[in-house]
Amino acid sequence: MADLAGHRPRGGGRHDWLGADPFGAQPADKLGLLRTATDWSTNVGHPGPAHTAEGEVFATFVIPNVFARAARGEATAAQAVADAEAQIRPIFERWRERGLIGNGGS
């Protein structure tokens, strides 16, 4: 693990470290694309608020596990996504049955 004691972001900006990752990423700027993430990403639920099904998906770590399984070589990226979809669909169905989220326009 990188020793960050006394580490100061270059240039003083809060995202400057993304161009020179102190954790040893190779290449050091591989996270640089995230500098503009607020320009091209949005919050869950946008344009409305997040709802209970989305909350359950996040609370049960379905999304991070997709990345973890693929990164560890436990599944291909496509298989990890397919497995996550198989976990997510029942979550949404359960909340729809309870009438607590919409039907997704169908």
C-alpha atoms as a PDB file:
ATOM      1  CA  MET A   1       0.000   0.000   0.000  1.00  0.00           C
ATOM      2  CA  ALA A   2       1.247   3.481  -0.821  1.00  0.00           C
ATOM      3  CA  ASP A   3       2.445   5.683   2.027  1.00  0.00           C
ATOM      4  CA  LEU A   4       0.380   8.838   1.627  1.00  0.00           C
ATOM      5  CA  ALA A   5       1.644  10.616   4.732  1.00  0.00           C
ATOM      6  CA  GLY A   6       2.426  14.150   3.686  1.00  0.00           C
ATOM      7  CA  HIS A   7       1.089  13.584   0.164  1.00  0.00           C
ATOM      8  CA  ARG A   8      -0.215  16.759  -1.420  1.00  0.00           C
ATOM      9  CA  PRO A   9      -2.131  16.771  -4.694  1.00  0.00           C
ATOM     10  CA  ARG A  10      -0.096  18.335  -7.472  1.00  0.00           C
ATOM     11  CA  GLY A  11      -1.310  21.794  -8.344  1.00  0.00           C
ATOM     12  CA  GLY A  12      -3.530  21.858  -5.271  1.00  0.00           C
ATOM     13  CA  GLY A  13      -6.654  20.583  -7.075  1.00  0.00           C
ATOM     14  CA  ARG A  14      -8.625  17.782  -5.496  1.00  0.00           C
ATOM     15  CA  HIS A  15      -8.488  15.652  -8.660  1.00  0.00           C
ATOM     16  CA  ASP A  16      -4.873  16.307  -9.667  1.00  0.00           C
ATOM     17  CA  TRP A  17      -3.700  12.970  -8.251  1.00  0.00           C
ATOM     18  CA  LEU A  18      -5.658  11.201 -11.001  1.00  0.00           C
ATOM     19  CA  GLY A  19      -2.845  12.078 -13.402  1.00  0.00           C
ATOM     20  CA  ALA A  20      -0.156  10.613 -11.127  1.00  0.00           C
ATOM     21  CA  ASP A  21      -1.775   7.941  -8.965  1.00  0.00           C
ATOM     22  CA  PRO A  22       0.038   7.674  -5.615  1.00  0.00           C
ATOM     23  CA  PHE A  23      -1.143   4.059  -5.280  1.00  0.00           C
ATOM     24  CA  GLY A  24       1.111   2.870  -8.092  1.00  0.00           C
ATOM     25  CA  ALA A  25      -1.314   2.395 -10.982  1.00  0.00           C
ATOM     26  CA  GLN A  26       0.308   1.472 -14.283  1.00  0.00           C
ATOM     27  CA  PRO A  27       0.251   3.657 -16.241  1.00  0.00           C
ATOM     28  CA  ALA A  28       0.235   6.318 -13.521  1.00  0.00           C
ATOM     29  CA  ASP A  29      -2.426   8.381 -15.330  1.00  0.00           C
ATOM     30  CA  LYS A  30      -4.852   5.535 -16.097  1.00  0.00           C
ATOM     31  CA  LEU A  31      -7.498   7.174 -13.888  1.00  0.00           C
ATOM     32  CA  GLY A  32      -7.081  10.547 -15.610  1.00  0.00           C
ATOM     33  CA  LEU A  33     -10.342  10.162 -17.529  1.00  0.00           C
ATOM     34  CA  LEU A  34     -12.183  10.479 -14.218  1.00  0.00           C
ATOM     35  CA  ARG A  35     -11.164  14.147 -13.900  1.00  0.00           C
ATOM     36  CA  THR A  36     -14.179  15.096 -16.019  1.00  0.00           C
ATOM     37  CA  ALA A  37     -16.558  12.431 -14.685  1.00  0.00           C
ATOM     38  CA  THR A  38     -18.982  15.019 -13.324  1.00  0.00           C
ATOM     39  CA  ASP A  39     -19.412  16.308 -16.881  1.00  0.00           C
ATOM     40  CA  TRP A  40     -20.491  12.945 -18.348  1.00  0.00           C
ATOM     41  CA  SER A  41     -21.936  10.969 -15.446  1.00  0.00           C
ATOM     42  CA  THR A  42     -25.044  11.314 -13.331  1.00  0.00           C
ATOM     43  CA  ASN A  43     -26.527  10.124 -10.076  1.00  0.00           C
ATOM     44  CA  VAL A  44     -28.531   6.927  -9.797  1.00  0.00           C
ATOM     45  CA  GLY A  45     -32.182   7.642 -10.502  1.00  0.00           C
ATOM     46  CA  HIS A  46     -31.536  10.708 -12.661  1.00  0.00           C
ATOM     47  CA  PRO A  47     -33.553  12.699 -13.579  1.00  0.00           C
ATOM     48  CA  GLY A  48     -35.564  11.745 -10.497  1.00  0.00           C
ATOM     49  CA  PRO A  49     -34.529  10.411  -7.125  1.00  0.00           C
ATOM     50  CA  ALA A  50     -33.125   6.936  -6.584  1.00  0.00           C
ATOM     51  CA  HIS A  51     -35.660   4.371  -5.413  1.00  0.00           C
ATOM     52  CA  THR A  52     -35.785   1.267  -3.265  1.00  0.00           C
ATOM     53  CA  ALA A  53     -34.770  -1.272  -5.915  1.00  0.00           C
ATOM     54  CA  GLU A  54     -31.706   0.737  -6.877  1.00  0.00           C
ATOM     55  CA  GLY A  55     -30.889   1.085  -3.202  1.00  0.00           C
ATOM     56  CA  GLU A  56     -31.032  -2.676  -2.732  1.00  0.00           C
ATOM     57  CA  VAL A  57     -28.762  -3.258  -5.729  1.00  0.00           C
ATOM     58  CA  PHE A  58     -26.194  -0.893  -4.213  1.00  0.00           C
ATOM     59  CA  ALA A  59     -26.633  -2.197  -0.650  1.00  0.00           C
ATOM     60  CA  THR A  60     -25.974  -5.773  -1.761  1.00  0.00           C
ATOM     61  CA  PHE A  61     -22.822  -4.801  -3.725  1.00  0.00           C
ATOM     62  CA  VAL A  62     -24.024  -6.250  -7.033  1.00  0.00           C
ATOM     63  CA  ILE A  63     -22.228  -3.615  -9.134  1.00  0.00           C
ATOM     64  CA  PRO A  64     -18.832  -3.676  -7.377  1.00  0.00           C
ATOM     65  CA  ASN A  65     -18.906  -7.471  -7.515  1.00  0.00           C
ATOM     66  CA  VAL A  66     -19.208  -7.312 -11.320  1.00  0.00           C
ATOM     67  CA  PHE A  67     -15.915  -5.461 -11.496  1.00  0.00           C
ATOM     68  CA  ALA A  68     -14.263  -7.576  -8.799  1.00  0.00           C
ATOM     69  CA  ARG A  69     -15.184 -10.891 -10.403  1.00  0.00           C
ATOM     70  CA  ALA A  70     -13.945  -9.778 -13.807  1.00  0.00           C
ATOM     71  CA  ALA A  71     -10.757  -8.228 -12.385  1.00  0.00           C
ATOM     72  CA  ARG A  72      -9.923 -11.395 -10.428  1.00  0.00           C
ATOM     73  CA  GLY A  73     -10.540 -13.548 -13.502  1.00  0.00           C
ATOM     74  CA  GLU A  74     -13.446 -15.388 -11.866  1.00  0.00           C
ATOM     75  CA  ALA A  75     -15.665 -14.520 -14.843  1.00  0.00           C
ATOM     76  CA  THR A  76     -15.380 -12.748 -18.155  1.00  0.00           C
ATOM     77  CA  ALA A  77     -16.714  -9.216 -18.164  1.00  0.00           C
ATOM     78  CA  ALA A  78     -19.724 -10.353 -20.195  1.00  0.00           C
ATOM     79  CA  GLN A  79     -20.460 -13.225 -17.794  1.00  0.00           C
ATOM     80  CA  ALA A  80     -20.080 -10.990 -14.729  1.00  0.00           C
ATOM     81  CA  VAL A  81     -22.582  -8.528 -16.225  1.00  0.00           C
ATOM     82  CA  ALA A  82     -24.989 -11.329 -17.139  1.00  0.00           C
ATOM     83  CA  ASP A  83     -24.754 -12.740 -13.605  1.00  0.00           C
ATOM     84  CA  ALA A  84     -25.423  -9.282 -12.158  1.00  0.00           C
ATOM     85  CA  GLU A  85     -28.458  -8.870 -14.389  1.00  0.00           C
ATOM     86  CA  ALA A  86     -29.743 -12.211 -13.097  1.00  0.00           C
ATOM     87  CA  GLN A  87     -29.463 -10.808  -9.553  1.00  0.00           C
ATOM     88  CA  ILE A  88     -30.895  -7.371 -10.397  1.00  0.00           C
ATOM     89  CA  ARG A  89     -34.025  -8.420 -12.299  1.00  0.00           C
ATOM     90  CA  PRO A  90     -35.603 -10.246  -9.324  1.00  0.00           C
ATOM     91  CA  ILE A  91     -34.834  -7.284  -7.069  1.00  0.00           C
ATOM     92  CA  PHE A  92     -36.733  -4.946  -9.374  1.00  0.00           C
ATOM     93  CA  GLU A  93     -39.565  -7.471  -9.839  1.00  0.00           C
ATOM     94  CA  ARG A  94     -39.963  -7.832  -6.074  1.00  0.00           C
ATOM     95  CA  TRP A  95     -40.227  -4.066  -5.553  1.00  0.00           C
ATOM     96  CA  ARG A  96     -42.641  -3.717  -8.512  1.00  0.00           C
ATOM     97  CA  GLU A  97     -44.878  -6.431  -7.048  1.00  0.00           C
ATOM     98  CA  ARG A  98     -45.022  -4.440  -3.830  1.00  0.00           C
ATOM     99  CA  GLY A  99     -46.042  -1.363  -5.829  1.00  0.00           C
ATOM    100  CA  LEU A 100     -43.095   0.666  -4.604  1.00  0.00           C
ATOM    101  CA  ILE A 101     -41.527   1.362  -8.000  1.00  0.00           C
ATOM    102  CA  GLY A 102     -42.924   1.884 -11.484  1.00  0.00           C
ATOM    103  CA  ASN A 103     -43.103  -0.708 -14.206  1.00  0.00           C
ATOM    104  CA  GLY A 104     -40.287   0.752 -16.303  1.00  0.00           C
ATOM    105  CA  GLY A 105     -42.643   1.961 -19.011  1.00  0.00           C
ATOM    106  CA  SER A 106     -43.773  -1.489 -20.045  1.00  0.00           C
END
